[in-house]
Amino acid sequence: MVEAVRSAIVHELKHLANARHSIAVVEDADWGYIYIVTLDTSARKALEVNLELQKRFPGIPIVVKWTGSMDLSEEDLIDYIVKIARAGGFKARAPPGFSSVEVVRGAREE
């Protein structure tokens, strides 16, 4: 199954990304198999590809990394991450001990 999904992702990359790429598959205790795609392109293009892949493979965690420039603002980066998570059907998880109240308090103090 893992190899079939990997092959399907490679097939989709041929249509979505005109860039060199590599794919690694790692197993995570919480998420299962995670497909990590590295693209030789900019952040914006990589995240566009990530969003399209996640739409095509909902429920399968796909992470796209990039080797090119960071051509996004922090707000745009956050917007893409939210869209990608929604497209995949994933909900945000906080690590043990995480306090959103402390994060907001810290942001307000800055």
Protein backbone atom coordinates (compact mmCIF):
# COMPACT_ATOMS: atom_id res chain seq x y z
CA MET A 1 0.00 0.00 0.00
CA VAL A 2 2.78 2.46 0.94
CA GLU A 3 4.57 1.95 -2.36
CA ALA A 4 1.31 2.35 -4.31
CA VAL A 5 0.62 5.70 -2.64
CA ARG A 6 4.22 6.79 -3.20
CA SER A 7 3.94 5.90 -6.90
CA ALA A 8 0.65 7.78 -7.20
CA ILE A 9 2.24 10.87 -5.63
CA VAL A 10 5.16 10.64 -8.08
CA HIS A 11 2.65 10.43 -10.95
CA GLU A 12 0.82 13.54 -9.73
CA LEU A 13 4.08 15.44 -9.25
CA LYS A 14 4.81 15.03 -12.95
CA HIS A 15 1.69 17.10 -13.65
CA LEU A 16 1.94 19.56 -10.75
CA ALA A 17 5.60 20.44 -10.40
CA ASN A 18 8.14 21.22 -13.05
CA ALA A 19 10.96 20.74 -10.54
CA ARG A 20 13.36 18.10 -9.32
CA HIS A 21 11.90 16.19 -6.42
CA SER A 22 12.52 13.39 -3.98
CA ILE A 23 10.11 11.48 -1.76
CA ALA A 24 10.75 9.86 1.59
CA VAL A 25 8.25 7.85 3.59
CA VAL A 26 8.48 7.79 7.37
CA GLU A 27 6.31 5.97 9.86
CA ASP A 28 4.97 7.96 12.79
CA ALA A 29 3.28 6.46 15.85
CA ASP A 30 0.46 9.02 15.75
CA TRP A 31 0.06 9.76 12.03
CA GLY A 32 0.98 6.46 10.39
CA TYR A 33 2.95 6.81 7.16
CA ILE A 34 3.93 10.36 6.24
CA TYR A 35 5.05 11.14 2.69
CA ILE A 36 7.73 13.83 2.64
CA VAL A 37 8.26 15.46 -0.76
CA THR A 38 11.23 17.75 -1.32
CA LEU A 39 10.94 20.08 -4.31
CA ASP A 40 13.66 22.17 -5.89
CA THR A 41 11.44 25.26 -6.05
CA SER A 42 10.25 28.28 -4.06
CA ALA A 43 8.07 28.15 -0.95
CA ARG A 44 4.99 29.46 -2.76
CA LYS A 45 5.19 26.87 -5.54
CA ALA A 46 5.93 24.07 -3.08
CA LEU A 47 2.92 24.95 -0.95
CA GLU A 48 0.68 25.21 -4.01
CA VAL A 49 1.81 21.70 -4.94
CA ASN A 50 1.29 20.54 -1.34
CA LEU A 51 -2.27 21.87 -1.38
CA GLU A 52 -3.08 20.13 -4.66
CA LEU A 53 -1.54 16.85 -3.50
CA GLN A 54 -3.50 17.00 -0.25
CA LYS A 55 -6.73 17.60 -2.18
CA ARG A 56 -5.99 14.55 -4.31
CA PHE A 57 -4.95 12.36 -1.36
CA PRO A 58 -7.18 13.36 1.60
CA GLY A 59 -6.41 11.56 4.82
CA ILE A 60 -2.83 10.78 3.77
CA PRO A 61 -0.29 13.06 5.46
CA ILE A 62 1.87 14.71 2.79
CA VAL A 63 4.53 17.25 3.71
CA VAL A 64 6.26 19.27 1.00
CA LYS A 65 9.61 20.91 1.68
CA TRP A 66 11.36 23.31 -0.67
CA THR A 67 14.98 24.11 -1.43
CA GLY A 68 14.36 27.47 -3.12
CA SER A 69 13.54 30.92 -1.81
CA MET A 70 11.08 31.84 0.90
CA ASP A 71 8.80 34.04 -1.17
CA LEU A 72 5.84 34.21 1.24
CA SER A 73 4.91 36.40 4.16
CA GLU A 74 4.23 34.71 7.51
CA GLU A 75 0.51 35.33 6.98
CA ASP A 76 0.56 33.65 3.56
CA LEU A 77 2.50 30.71 4.99
CA ILE A 78 -0.08 30.27 7.75
CA ASP A 79 -2.93 30.52 5.23
CA TYR A 80 -1.40 27.75 3.13
CA ILE A 81 -0.83 25.51 6.15
CA VAL A 82 -4.46 25.90 7.21
CA LYS A 83 -5.73 25.20 3.68
CA ILE A 84 -3.48 22.13 3.38
CA ALA A 85 -4.63 20.77 6.76
CA ARG A 86 -8.29 21.29 5.82
CA ALA A 87 -7.85 19.71 2.40
CA GLY A 88 -6.34 16.64 4.04
CA GLY A 89 -9.03 16.46 6.68
CA PHE A 90 -6.52 17.00 9.48
CA LYS A 91 -7.15 18.83 12.74
CA ALA A 92 -4.48 20.74 14.59
CA ARG A 93 -2.92 18.90 17.50
CA ALA A 94 -1.05 20.58 20.30
CA PRO A 95 1.82 18.87 22.09
CA PRO A 96 1.37 17.95 25.76
CA GLY A 97 1.74 20.99 27.98
CA PHE A 98 0.90 23.47 25.20
CA SER A 99 -1.07 26.48 26.44
CA SER A 100 -2.79 28.66 23.87
CA VAL A 101 -3.47 31.20 26.62
CA GLU A 102 0.27 31.61 27.21
CA VAL A 103 0.92 31.97 23.48
CA VAL A 104 -1.70 34.69 23.11
CA ARG A 105 -0.49 36.44 26.27
CA GLY A 106 3.09 36.36 24.94
CA ALA A 107 2.01 37.73 21.56
CA ARG A 108 0.11 40.58 23.21
CA GLU A 109 3.12 41.52 25.33
CA GLU A 110 5.38 41.83 22.28
